[in-house]
Amino acid sequence: MRTLRLPVLFAALALAAPLQSQTFHLSFDRTTHAEPITGRAYLFIARTDRTEPRLQSGARRTSEPFFGVDIAALRPGERVTFDRSVLGFPLSSLAELPKGDYFIQGLIVPYTQFKRADGRTIWAHMDAGEGQRFNAAPGSLVSEVVKVRIDPAARTPIALRLSKVIPPIPTPPETEWVKRFRIRSELASSFWGHDMHLGAVVLLPKGYQENPARRYPVVYTIGHYSDRAPFGFTFEGCDRPETAEARAARLARTNREPGCEFQKAWTAGEVPPFIAVFIQHTTPFYDDSYALNSANNGPYGDAITRELIPEIDRRFRTVGAPYARVLTGGSTGGWDVLALQVHYPDVFGGAWSLYPDQLDFRNYQFGDVYADSNAFVRADGSWMPREIPSSRSPEGITDLTVREENQAELVIATKGRSGGQWDGWQAAWAPVGPDGYPAQLWDKRTGRIDTKVAEQMRERGYDLRAFLERHWSTVGPKLVGQLHIAVGDMDNYFLNLGVYRMETFLESTKEPGKGPYYAGTIEYGRPLKPHGWQPWTNQDLLRLMQRHIDRNATRP
């Protein structure tokens, strides 16, 4: 057998041809957009045209390949080039794309320049009612979908002309039940140096118009941006009742009822009469501000409590007292409502937090950002390092890893502007970095954690378990009976782990000298209950809230 010596092997590798890819050019002309654009350009490649390629891509396991590059003052007629050096997801490079027939599309998302009150000037996407969905943002330039033959050996570039603009999202009509309004937030606008708005979708109770002297308690619901009414309230599709199979599948996941079922109970007056409000509070970094004051997002905690809630009290017949303001939300909203209750205990009278984002940063989903050195890999000195999962099935099978999700976010945008989950947390909780963008909790290419950033996040009160443990003697007396949490035991994003840690602290308040006892509730869905599980119907949740309000209304 002939053996190739090492020097010869290295020489052979050096002479090997690099991986090839086809090159793509994107451009637009003055008829589409007359001014230069600073923002992000994308190339989408899909195997089918079941929907536009841009809508088949994102930070998910089923994503079709897409690639992104920053652009600065790109003028009409100038080209953006995509070649094998451009990072993509789930394929890292165009060089990994097999030869074949594909449907392709180009997109440019314009950014807005913000001259903030902290002296920083940054560029980011100004949400236009799409909830920071990069591939569906109104005002973005987009090409027609083209079917092409892609051949890595081809030398002729494929050109795409961005000839269309994604139109504005229409505002849903108001009804006798559902009202909507927006206000300019003076606090957020002053921070951003740009008009920033808070919104509310308001669901009125049965009899509201007929009883003009009556006032009502308010349940505030919070979560990812939506224009829909609270609790899924809808008349759409209500002529198609839930099938037995669908009901069985739903009950395997959650006791929350369909929106039509809730609507029928609400309009019939079969639930306690509340004014229900969904809060809209998008930022240039995410579709949810995380409801607290933030170095990067601005003073949204104060804006919500000092601007939006007084406006709701002014426009609608609310009781207008803290005991009659209760909170609920799931996932991002689950964290938001606990954060508002904990940091603004004199404004709200109770929080029902469902499958909340990490309540203890020792479980930042799965990893410990205070003690771990890397967010992507668990090495522990082993010969067999393991990729850290980001999401899983209820049976425990990894769906995506932390590395994969962060690569997708990095393709969507640099500098923490992707509007994705990891970037959203970083914007809400991290300090401002040297360049004016959120400081990196970890390097998105290597996963190396900056524990100094993590420690600052904790010191600023965003690790809610740590905040409560540190301040329980002063804040605890205001929170007795106010904190209620529910999560599935196999939450897809490992969020049950943070709830376990929060429960450990809250139950410790029973111990002598640590009181008062928190006297709330924590419930776990077992077995195999996923993200999205809640133990009651929304109708039953409102009944729980009404009993809670009645008890607190009688306090001296």
Protein backbone atom coordinates (compact mmCIF):
# COMPACT_ATOMS: atom_id res chain seq x y z
CA MET A 1 0.00 0.00 0.00
CA ARG A 2 1.35 3.43 -1.00
CA THR A 3 1.64 5.89 1.89
CA LEU A 4 1.42 9.65 1.34
CA ARG A 5 3.88 11.41 3.64
CA LEU A 6 2.60 14.43 5.65
CA PRO A 7 4.46 17.17 3.71
CA VAL A 8 3.06 15.79 0.47
CA LEU A 9 -0.42 15.55 2.01
CA PHE A 10 -0.35 19.20 3.15
CA ALA A 11 0.79 20.31 -0.30
CA ALA A 12 -2.05 18.36 -1.89
CA LEU A 13 -4.58 19.98 0.43
CA ALA A 14 -3.19 23.43 -0.33
CA LEU A 15 -3.62 22.84 -4.05
CA ALA A 16 -7.15 21.44 -3.72
CA ALA A 17 -9.79 23.58 -5.39
CA PRO A 18 -11.98 25.49 -2.92
CA LEU A 19 -15.67 24.72 -2.75
CA GLN A 20 -17.50 26.58 -5.47
CA SER A 21 -20.89 28.23 -5.56
CA GLN A 22 -23.00 30.20 -7.94
CA THR A 23 -23.03 33.96 -7.38
CA PHE A 24 -26.20 36.06 -7.03
CA HIS A 25 -26.76 39.79 -7.45
CA LEU A 26 -29.61 41.83 -5.92
CA SER A 27 -30.49 45.36 -6.98
CA PHE A 28 -33.37 47.84 -7.09
CA ASP A 29 -34.09 50.89 -9.20
CA ARG A 30 -35.51 54.34 -8.54
CA THR A 31 -39.04 53.34 -9.46
CA THR A 32 -39.05 50.99 -6.46
CA HIS A 33 -37.09 53.11 -3.99
CA ALA A 34 -35.55 56.47 -4.86
CA GLU A 35 -33.22 56.91 -1.87
CA PRO A 36 -30.16 54.96 -0.67
CA ILE A 37 -30.91 52.20 1.83
CA THR A 38 -29.04 51.14 4.95
CA GLY A 39 -30.28 47.82 6.22
CA ARG A 40 -30.03 44.10 5.51
CA ALA A 41 -30.27 42.19 2.20
CA TYR A 42 -31.37 38.56 1.89
CA LEU A 43 -31.33 35.76 -0.62
CA PHE A 44 -33.89 32.98 -0.11
CA ILE A 45 -33.68 29.58 -1.80
CA ALA A 46 -36.50 27.03 -1.56
CA ARG A 47 -37.18 23.64 -3.04
CA THR A 48 -40.90 24.29 -3.54
CA ASP A 49 -43.11 27.29 -4.25
CA ARG A 50 -45.87 26.34 -1.80
CA THR A 51 -45.35 29.85 -0.40
CA GLU A 52 -42.89 32.59 -1.25
CA PRO A 53 -39.33 31.47 -0.38
CA ARG A 54 -38.95 34.31 2.12
CA LEU A 55 -41.85 32.89 4.12
CA GLN A 56 -40.27 29.42 4.24
CA SER A 57 -37.16 30.67 6.08
CA GLY A 58 -36.34 31.60 9.65
CA ALA A 59 -34.80 30.38 12.91
CA ARG A 60 -36.43 26.96 12.86
CA ARG A 61 -35.50 23.39 12.02
CA THR A 62 -37.70 23.31 8.91
CA SER A 63 -36.19 26.46 7.42
CA GLU A 64 -35.21 26.55 3.76
CA PRO A 65 -31.76 28.07 3.08
CA PHE A 66 -31.36 31.83 3.33
CA PHE A 67 -28.38 34.19 3.40
CA GLY A 68 -27.95 37.75 4.65
CA VAL A 69 -25.56 40.71 4.35
CA ASP A 70 -25.56 44.22 5.78
CA ILE A 71 -25.85 47.11 3.35
CA ALA A 72 -24.92 50.76 3.96
CA ALA A 73 -26.32 53.60 1.83
CA LEU A 74 -26.95 51.26 -1.10
CA ARG A 75 -28.09 53.37 -4.03
CA PRO A 76 -30.57 52.47 -6.76
CA GLY A 77 -28.80 50.46 -9.44
CA GLU A 78 -25.99 49.25 -7.16
CA ARG A 79 -25.66 45.50 -6.60
CA VAL A 80 -25.51 43.35 -3.50
CA THR A 81 -23.43 40.21 -4.08
CA PHE A 82 -24.08 36.81 -2.51
CA ASP A 83 -21.31 34.27 -2.93
CA ARG A 84 -19.84 31.39 -0.94
CA SER A 85 -18.37 33.79 1.65
CA VAL A 86 -21.82 34.94 2.84
CA LEU A 87 -23.13 33.22 5.97
CA GLY A 88 -26.40 31.31 5.69
CA PHE A 89 -28.78 29.05 7.59
CA PRO A 90 -29.33 26.12 7.78
CA LEU A 91 -26.56 25.83 5.17
CA SER A 92 -23.60 27.92 6.27
CA SER A 93 -22.52 28.70 2.71
CA LEU A 94 -23.88 28.67 -0.82
CA ALA A 95 -21.06 26.21 -1.51
CA GLU A 96 -23.05 23.59 0.43
CA LEU A 97 -26.09 23.92 -1.85
CA PRO A 98 -26.49 20.89 -4.13
CA LYS A 99 -26.90 21.38 -7.85
CA GLY A 100 -30.59 21.48 -8.80
CA ASP A 101 -33.73 23.44 -9.56
CA TYR A 102 -34.85 25.96 -6.93
CA PHE A 103 -37.22 28.86 -6.34
CA ILE A 104 -35.34 32.00 -5.31
CA GLN A 105 -36.26 35.44 -4.01
CA GLY A 106 -34.48 38.56 -2.82
CA LEU A 107 -35.39 40.97 -0.03
CA ILE A 108 -34.02 44.19 1.45
CA VAL A 109 -35.19 45.39 4.87
CA PRO A 110 -34.48 49.11 5.39
CA TYR A 111 -33.23 50.23 8.79
CA THR A 112 -34.00 53.49 10.59
CA GLN A 113 -31.34 55.68 12.16
CA PHE A 114 -31.96 56.38 15.86
CA LYS A 115 -30.14 59.13 17.73
CA ARG A 116 -30.83 58.06 21.26
CA ALA A 117 -30.90 60.08 24.44
CA ASP A 118 -27.93 58.08 25.78
CA GLY A 119 -25.76 59.68 23.09
CA ARG A 120 -25.65 56.57 20.89
CA THR A 121 -26.58 56.53 17.22
CA ILE A 122 -27.63 53.16 15.86
CA TRP A 123 -29.42 51.64 12.86
CA ALA A 124 -32.21 49.11 13.41
CA HIS A 125 -35.51 48.00 11.91
CA MET A 126 -38.47 50.11 13.00
CA ASP A 127 -41.32 47.68 13.47
CA ALA A 128 -44.27 48.42 11.19
CA GLY A 129 -46.92 46.25 12.79
CA GLU A 130 -45.50 42.91 11.71
CA GLY A 131 -44.00 42.07 15.11
CA GLN A 132 -40.32 42.21 14.04
CA ARG A 133 -40.76 39.45 11.44
CA PHE A 134 -37.79 40.21 9.20
CA ASN A 135 -39.24 38.40 6.18
CA ALA A 136 -42.63 40.15 6.31
CA ALA A 137 -41.81 43.74 7.27
CA PRO A 138 -43.89 46.40 5.48
CA GLY A 139 -41.76 48.80 3.47
CA SER A 140 -39.22 46.11 2.57
CA LEU A 141 -38.21 45.65 -1.06
CA VAL A 142 -38.83 42.21 -2.53
CA SER A 143 -38.33 40.48 -5.86
CA GLU A 144 -40.59 38.21 -7.80
CA VAL A 145 -40.13 34.49 -7.16
CA VAL A 146 -37.98 32.96 -9.89
CA LYS A 147 -37.34 29.30 -10.67
CA VAL A 148 -33.70 28.73 -11.62
CA ARG A 149 -31.16 26.00 -12.15
CA ILE A 150 -28.35 26.42 -9.62
CA ASP A 151 -24.99 24.89 -10.50
CA PRO A 152 -21.94 25.42 -8.28
CA ALA A 153 -19.74 25.20 -11.38
CA ALA A 154 -21.65 27.94 -13.23
CA ARG A 155 -19.77 31.18 -13.84
CA THR A 156 -22.72 33.38 -14.84
CA PRO A 157 -24.25 35.22 -11.86
CA ILE A 158 -27.99 35.07 -11.29
CA ALA A 159 -29.53 38.53 -10.97
CA LEU A 160 -32.66 39.47 -9.02
CA ARG A 161 -34.35 42.86 -9.28
CA LEU A 162 -36.33 43.96 -6.26
CA SER A 163 -39.33 45.51 -7.97
CA LYS A 164 -42.03 45.40 -5.26
CA VAL A 165 -42.57 46.90 -1.81
CA ILE A 166 -44.33 44.94 0.94
CA PRO A 167 -47.50 46.93 1.69
CA PRO A 168 -48.65 48.18 5.11
CA ILE A 169 -50.58 45.80 7.33
CA PRO A 170 -54.26 46.77 7.45
CA THR A 171 -55.74 47.64 10.83
CA PRO A 172 -58.46 45.20 11.88
CA PRO A 173 -61.89 46.78 12.23
CA GLU A 174 -63.32 47.61 15.62
CA THR A 175 -66.50 45.96 16.85
CA GLU A 176 -68.89 46.42 19.75
CA TRP A 177 -66.64 44.03 21.71
CA VAL A 178 -63.11 44.87 20.55
CA LYS A 179 -61.51 48.34 20.58
CA ARG A 180 -57.98 49.36 19.62
CA PHE A 181 -55.87 52.43 20.19
CA ARG A 182 -52.27 53.61 20.15
CA ILE A 183 -50.56 56.41 22.04
CA ARG A 184 -47.25 58.10 21.47
CA SER A 185 -45.06 57.27 24.44
CA GLU A 186 -43.27 60.42 25.55
CA LEU A 187 -40.83 58.36 27.61
CA ALA A 188 -39.88 55.87 24.89
CA SER A 189 -39.87 58.54 22.17
CA SER A 190 -37.52 60.73 24.18
CA PHE A 191 -35.14 57.80 24.66
CA TRP A 192 -35.12 56.75 20.99
CA GLY A 193 -35.18 60.22 19.44
CA HIS A 194 -38.03 58.91 17.29
CA ASP A 195 -41.79 58.56 17.69
CA MET A 196 -42.48 55.34 19.60
CA HIS A 197 -45.96 54.05 20.36
CA LEU A 198 -47.71 51.81 22.83
CA GLY A 199 -50.87 50.01 21.78
CA ALA A 200 -53.80 48.22 23.36
CA VAL A 201 -56.39 45.76 22.09
CA VAL A 202 -59.33 46.08 24.48
CA LEU A 203 -62.05 43.46 24.94
CA LEU A 204 -65.18 44.85 26.58
CA PRO A 205 -67.47 42.75 28.81
CA LYS A 206 -71.09 41.93 28.18
CA GLY A 207 -73.31 44.80 29.29
CA TYR A 208 -70.58 47.44 29.08
CA GLN A 209 -72.62 49.78 26.87
CA GLU A 210 -75.87 49.12 28.70
CA ASN A 211 -74.46 49.92 32.17
CA PRO A 212 -72.69 53.28 31.84
CA ALA A 213 -72.26 53.73 35.60
CA ARG A 214 -70.56 50.40 36.19
CA ARG A 215 -66.78 50.05 36.57
CA TYR A 216 -64.81 46.88 35.90
CA PRO A 217 -61.54 45.24 36.99
CA VAL A 218 -58.89 44.89 34.28
CA VAL A 219 -56.93 41.82 33.26
CA TYR A 220 -53.80 42.76 31.33
CA THR A 221 -52.52 40.12 28.92
CA ILE A 222 -49.01 40.35 27.51
CA GLY A 223 -47.03 38.38 24.96
CA HIS A 224 -45.59 38.46 21.46
CA TYR A 225 -47.02 41.21 19.29
CA SER A 226 -50.53 40.59 18.07
CA ASP A 227 -53.53 42.54 16.80
CA ARG A 228 -55.91 39.84 17.99
CA ALA A 229 -58.27 40.23 20.91
CA PRO A 230 -57.23 38.87 24.34
CA PHE A 231 -57.75 35.20 25.19
CA GLY A 232 -58.20 34.27 21.53
CA PHE A 233 -61.66 35.87 21.45
CA THR A 234 -62.97 35.52 17.89
CA PHE A 235 -66.05 35.01 15.75
CA GLU A 236 -64.04 33.62 12.83
CA GLY A 237 -64.53 29.96 12.03
CA CYS A 238 -67.05 29.49 14.81
CA ASP A 239 -69.40 27.71 12.43
CA ARG A 240 -66.91 24.83 12.42
CA PRO A 241 -67.03 23.22 15.88
CA GLU A 242 -63.97 21.54 17.33
CA THR A 243 -63.81 17.88 16.37
CA ALA A 244 -63.41 15.13 18.95
CA GLU A 245 -59.95 14.36 17.56
CA ALA A 246 -58.85 18.00 17.77
CA ARG A 247 -60.19 18.29 21.31
CA ALA A 248 -58.29 15.18 22.41
CA ALA A 249 -55.09 16.51 20.84
CA ARG A 250 -55.54 19.90 22.52
CA LEU A 251 -56.20 18.42 25.96
CA ALA A 252 -52.98 16.43 25.63
CA ARG A 253 -51.20 19.79 25.46
CA THR A 254 -53.30 22.27 27.45
CA ASN A 255 -56.67 22.93 29.08
CA ARG A 256 -56.97 26.28 27.30
CA GLU A 257 -60.17 26.31 25.26
CA PRO A 258 -60.49 27.42 21.59
CA GLY A 259 -61.14 31.11 20.95
CA CYS A 260 -64.66 30.47 19.68
CA GLU A 261 -65.60 28.62 22.84
CA PHE A 262 -64.23 31.47 24.95
CA GLN A 263 -66.08 34.02 22.80
CA LYS A 264 -69.40 32.27 23.30
CA ALA A 265 -68.95 32.25 27.07
CA TRP A 266 -67.80 35.89 27.10
CA THR A 267 -70.63 37.24 24.96
CA ALA A 268 -73.18 35.21 26.92
CA GLY A 269 -71.97 36.69 30.22
CA GLU A 270 -70.93 33.28 31.57
CA VAL A 271 -67.57 34.56 32.85
CA PRO A 272 -66.85 37.31 35.38
CA PRO A 273 -67.09 40.76 33.76
CA PHE A 274 -63.59 42.12 33.15
CA ILE A 275 -62.12 44.63 30.76
CA ALA A 276 -59.38 42.57 29.09
CA VAL A 277 -56.42 44.40 27.54
CA PHE A 278 -53.61 43.07 25.36
CA ILE A 279 -50.56 45.37 25.53
CA GLN A 280 -48.52 46.11 22.37
CA HIS A 281 -44.99 47.34 23.09
CA THR A 282 -42.61 46.51 20.25
CA THR A 283 -39.11 47.96 20.12
CA PRO A 284 -36.50 48.25 17.34
CA PHE A 285 -34.92 45.08 18.76
CA TYR A 286 -37.88 42.78 19.45
CA ASP A 287 -41.65 42.47 19.27
CA ASP A 288 -41.91 42.78 23.07
CA SER A 289 -39.98 45.15 25.33
CA TYR A 290 -40.02 42.65 28.21
CA ALA A 291 -42.01 45.31 30.06
CA LEU A 292 -39.20 46.72 32.22
CA ASN A 293 -36.86 49.66 31.87
CA SER A 294 -33.88 48.62 29.77
CA ALA A 295 -30.52 50.14 28.82
CA ASN A 296 -31.09 49.15 25.18
CA ASN A 297 -34.88 49.25 24.76
CA GLY A 298 -35.58 52.28 26.89
CA PRO A 299 -37.95 52.98 29.80
CA TYR A 300 -40.78 50.65 28.83
CA GLY A 301 -41.67 49.63 32.39
CA ASP A 302 -42.33 53.25 33.25
CA ALA A 303 -44.02 53.87 29.89
CA ILE A 304 -46.49 51.02 30.46
CA THR A 305 -47.28 51.91 34.08
CA ARG A 306 -47.16 55.72 33.85
CA GLU A 307 -48.51 56.33 30.35
CA LEU A 308 -50.48 53.38 28.94
CA ILE A 309 -52.35 52.24 32.05
CA PRO A 310 -53.51 55.76 33.03
CA GLU A 311 -54.72 56.18 29.44
CA ILE A 312 -56.73 52.96 29.68
CA ASP A 313 -58.19 54.14 32.98
CA ARG A 314 -59.12 57.42 31.27
CA ARG A 315 -60.72 55.90 28.16
CA PHE A 316 -62.58 53.00 29.77
CA ARG A 317 -64.57 52.48 32.94
CA THR A 318 -61.96 50.64 34.97
CA VAL A 319 -61.93 50.32 38.73
CA GLY A 320 -58.56 52.04 38.55
CA ALA A 321 -57.04 50.56 41.72
CA PRO A 322 -54.07 48.18 42.03
CA TYR A 323 -56.11 45.34 43.55
CA ALA A 324 -58.34 45.36 40.43
CA ARG A 325 -55.45 45.14 37.96
CA VAL A 326 -54.32 41.57 37.35
CA LEU A 327 -51.87 40.15 34.82
CA THR A 328 -51.47 37.03 32.72
CA GLY A 329 -49.33 35.93 29.81
CA GLY A 330 -47.42 32.95 28.48
CA SER A 331 -43.78 32.39 27.54
CA THR A 332 -42.36 35.88 26.89
CA GLY A 333 -45.59 37.21 28.36
CA GLY A 334 -45.21 34.88 31.32
CA TRP A 335 -41.91 36.53 32.18
CA ASP A 336 -43.34 40.00 31.51
CA VAL A 337 -46.23 39.66 33.94
CA LEU A 338 -44.04 38.36 36.77
CA ALA A 339 -41.53 41.14 36.10
CA LEU A 340 -44.24 43.81 36.23
CA GLN A 341 -45.76 42.37 39.40
CA VAL A 342 -42.37 42.06 41.11
CA HIS A 343 -40.93 45.43 40.02
CA TYR A 344 -44.21 47.40 40.19
CA PRO A 345 -46.05 45.77 43.13
CA ASP A 346 -47.91 49.00 43.91
CA VAL A 347 -49.47 49.08 40.42
CA PHE A 348 -50.75 45.51 40.01
CA GLY A 349 -52.68 43.12 42.23
CA GLY A 350 -51.64 39.66 41.03
CA ALA A 351 -49.90 37.78 38.22
CA TRP A 352 -50.70 34.43 36.62
CA SER A 353 -47.52 33.54 34.76
CA LEU A 354 -47.72 30.71 32.21
CA TYR A 355 -44.63 28.80 31.03
CA PRO A 356 -42.45 31.89 31.60
CA ASP A 357 -39.07 32.59 30.06
CA GLN A 358 -36.14 31.91 32.36
CA LEU A 359 -36.83 33.06 35.89
CA ASP A 360 -33.32 32.14 37.05
CA PHE A 361 -30.34 32.73 34.78
CA ARG A 362 -28.61 29.64 36.17
CA ASN A 363 -30.99 28.03 33.70
CA TYR A 364 -30.82 30.35 30.72
CA GLN A 365 -33.10 27.84 29.08
CA PHE A 366 -30.57 25.05 29.63
CA GLY A 367 -27.16 26.57 30.45
CA ASP A 368 -25.86 28.61 33.39
CA VAL A 369 -24.60 31.97 32.11
CA TYR A 370 -22.88 32.71 35.41
CA ALA A 371 -20.77 29.55 35.58
CA ASP A 372 -20.54 28.11 32.04
CA SER A 373 -17.83 29.27 29.65
CA ASN A 374 -19.66 28.41 26.43
CA ALA A 375 -23.33 28.63 25.44
CA PHE A 376 -23.05 26.14 22.57
CA VAL A 377 -21.08 23.20 23.94
CA ARG A 378 -21.05 21.35 27.25
CA ALA A 379 -17.47 20.04 27.51
CA ASP A 380 -16.81 19.53 31.24
CA GLY A 381 -13.32 18.26 30.43
CA SER A 382 -14.82 15.26 28.68
CA TRP A 383 -13.53 13.55 25.55
CA MET A 384 -17.13 13.67 24.37
CA PRO A 385 -18.40 17.28 24.36
CA ARG A 386 -22.08 17.75 23.63
CA GLU A 387 -24.01 20.46 21.77
CA ILE A 388 -26.41 22.23 24.11
CA PRO A 389 -30.05 21.90 23.04
CA SER A 390 -32.26 24.94 22.64
CA SER A 391 -35.56 23.19 22.07
CA ARG A 392 -36.86 19.65 22.37
CA SER A 393 -39.93 17.54 21.82
CA PRO A 394 -42.00 16.61 24.90
CA GLU A 395 -40.31 13.20 24.65
CA GLY A 396 -36.88 14.84 24.96
CA ILE A 397 -35.62 14.72 21.35
CA THR A 398 -33.53 17.78 20.43
CA ASP A 399 -35.21 19.99 17.84
CA LEU A 400 -32.63 22.80 17.56
CA THR A 401 -29.37 23.53 19.34
CA VAL A 402 -28.34 26.87 20.82
CA ARG A 403 -25.61 27.10 18.17
CA GLU A 404 -28.10 26.57 15.34
CA GLU A 405 -30.58 29.16 16.58
CA ASN A 406 -27.83 31.72 17.08
CA GLN A 407 -26.48 31.10 13.60
CA ALA A 408 -29.97 31.72 12.20
CA GLU A 409 -30.24 34.97 14.17
CA LEU A 410 -26.81 36.07 12.93
CA VAL A 411 -27.96 35.52 9.34
CA ILE A 412 -31.12 37.53 10.01
CA ALA A 413 -29.12 40.44 11.45
CA THR A 414 -25.83 41.45 13.03
CA LYS A 415 -25.38 43.44 16.26
CA GLY A 416 -28.32 41.80 18.03
CA ARG A 417 -30.94 43.19 15.61
CA SER A 418 -32.49 39.93 14.38
CA GLY A 419 -35.73 40.24 16.33
CA GLY A 420 -35.06 36.62 17.38
CA GLN A 421 -35.43 35.18 20.86
CA TRP A 422 -31.80 35.18 22.01
CA ASP A 423 -31.27 38.69 20.64
CA GLY A 424 -34.54 39.80 22.23
CA TRP A 425 -33.39 38.73 25.69
CA GLN A 426 -29.99 40.32 25.16
CA ALA A 427 -31.55 43.65 24.13
CA ALA A 428 -33.92 43.65 27.10
CA TRP A 429 -31.48 42.61 29.81
CA ALA A 430 -27.86 43.30 28.77
CA PRO A 431 -26.05 46.62 29.13
CA VAL A 432 -25.23 48.75 26.10
CA GLY A 433 -22.09 47.59 24.30
CA PRO A 434 -19.18 49.79 23.17
CA ASP A 435 -20.72 50.22 19.70
CA GLY A 436 -24.09 51.34 21.04
CA TYR A 437 -25.78 48.00 20.35
CA PRO A 438 -26.61 45.43 23.07
CA ALA A 439 -23.50 44.01 24.72
CA GLN A 440 -23.02 40.39 23.66
CA LEU A 441 -23.85 37.86 26.35
CA TRP A 442 -21.95 35.44 24.15
CA ASP A 443 -20.18 35.44 20.82
CA LYS A 444 -22.67 34.23 18.22
CA ARG A 445 -19.98 32.42 16.22
CA THR A 446 -18.08 30.71 19.03
CA GLY A 447 -20.56 30.66 21.93
CA ARG A 448 -18.01 32.09 24.39
CA ILE A 449 -19.94 33.63 27.32
CA ASP A 450 -19.06 37.02 28.75
CA THR A 451 -19.86 36.44 32.43
CA LYS A 452 -19.44 40.16 33.18
CA VAL A 453 -22.47 40.84 30.99
CA ALA A 454 -24.37 38.08 32.80
CA GLU A 455 -23.50 39.55 36.18
CA GLN A 456 -24.72 42.99 35.11
CA MET A 457 -28.01 41.46 33.96
CA ARG A 458 -28.44 39.97 37.42
CA GLU A 459 -27.47 43.18 39.21
CA ARG A 460 -30.06 45.13 37.21
CA GLY A 461 -32.86 42.88 38.47
CA TYR A 462 -33.67 40.82 35.37
CA ASP A 463 -32.88 37.49 37.03
CA LEU A 464 -36.20 37.53 38.86
CA ARG A 465 -35.35 34.77 41.33
CA ALA A 466 -32.11 36.54 42.29
CA PHE A 467 -33.93 39.87 42.57
CA LEU A 468 -36.60 38.45 44.87
CA GLU A 469 -34.07 36.66 47.03
CA ARG A 470 -32.05 39.85 47.41
CA HIS A 471 -35.03 42.14 48.09
CA TRP A 472 -37.60 39.86 49.72
CA SER A 473 -37.56 41.68 53.04
CA THR A 474 -38.83 44.85 51.35
CA VAL A 475 -40.79 43.62 48.33
CA GLY A 476 -42.04 40.32 49.77
CA PRO A 477 -44.76 41.81 52.00
CA LYS A 478 -46.32 43.42 48.89
CA LEU A 479 -46.32 40.13 46.97
CA VAL A 480 -48.03 37.79 49.42
CA GLY A 481 -50.61 35.78 47.49
CA GLN A 482 -49.82 37.60 44.23
CA LEU A 483 -47.50 35.18 42.37
CA HIS A 484 -48.96 32.23 40.45
CA ILE A 485 -46.94 30.15 37.97
CA ALA A 486 -47.79 27.20 35.71
CA VAL A 487 -45.46 25.26 33.40
CA GLY A 488 -45.31 21.88 31.71
CA ASP A 489 -42.84 19.36 33.12
CA MET A 490 -41.38 18.87 29.62
CA ASP A 491 -41.46 22.45 28.42
CA ASN A 492 -39.98 22.48 24.91
CA TYR A 493 -37.52 25.23 25.87
CA PHE A 494 -36.50 23.86 29.29
CA LEU A 495 -38.34 26.72 31.01
CA ASN A 496 -39.55 24.38 33.75
CA LEU A 497 -35.96 24.36 35.07
CA GLY A 498 -36.09 28.05 35.98
CA VAL A 499 -39.50 27.57 37.58
CA TYR A 500 -38.09 24.79 39.81
CA ARG A 501 -35.41 27.21 41.04
CA MET A 502 -37.95 29.96 41.62
CA GLU A 503 -40.15 27.55 43.57
CA THR A 504 -37.20 26.54 45.75
CA PHE A 505 -36.70 30.15 46.80
CA LEU A 506 -40.38 31.01 47.20
CA GLU A 507 -41.05 27.95 49.36
CA SER A 508 -38.01 28.86 51.48
CA THR A 509 -39.89 31.96 52.62
CA LYS A 510 -41.74 29.63 55.01
CA GLU A 511 -38.54 29.28 57.03
CA PRO A 512 -38.13 31.31 60.24
CA GLY A 513 -36.63 34.72 59.59
CA LYS A 514 -37.16 34.57 55.81
CA GLY A 515 -40.81 35.56 55.67
CA PRO A 516 -43.37 36.54 54.86
CA TYR A 517 -44.40 33.34 53.12
CA TYR A 518 -45.21 34.08 49.47
CA ALA A 519 -48.56 32.20 49.68
CA GLY A 520 -48.92 31.87 45.92
CA THR A 521 -49.20 28.80 43.69
CA ILE A 522 -46.96 26.87 41.32
CA GLU A 523 -48.38 24.10 39.14
CA TYR A 524 -46.64 21.60 36.86
CA GLY A 525 -48.25 19.80 33.97
CA ARG A 526 -47.47 16.09 34.15
CA PRO A 527 -46.68 13.94 32.34
CA LEU A 528 -45.00 15.25 29.16
CA LYS A 529 -46.79 18.59 29.05
CA PRO A 530 -45.07 20.94 26.57
CA HIS A 531 -44.60 24.67 26.13
CA GLY A 532 -48.04 26.26 26.04
CA TRP A 533 -49.59 24.15 28.79
CA GLN A 534 -51.92 25.76 31.31
CA PRO A 535 -53.99 23.96 33.95
CA TRP A 536 -57.28 25.81 33.49
CA THR A 537 -59.51 27.11 30.74
CA ASN A 538 -59.35 30.88 30.29
CA GLN A 539 -62.87 31.03 31.69
CA ASP A 540 -61.73 29.29 34.88
CA LEU A 541 -58.68 31.55 35.04
CA LEU A 542 -60.96 34.60 35.06
CA ARG A 543 -63.00 33.05 37.86
CA LEU A 544 -59.80 32.53 39.87
CA MET A 545 -58.85 36.15 39.24
CA GLN A 546 -62.28 37.42 40.29
CA ARG A 547 -62.10 35.55 43.62
CA HIS A 548 -58.59 36.92 44.13
CA ILE A 549 -59.78 40.48 43.46
CA ASP A 550 -62.75 40.09 45.79
CA ARG A 551 -60.43 38.97 48.60
CA ASN A 552 -57.99 41.82 48.05
CA ALA A 553 -60.74 44.43 47.77
CA THR A 554 -61.69 43.79 51.40
CA ARG A 555 -58.17 44.31 52.74
CA PRO A 556 -57.82 47.35 55.02
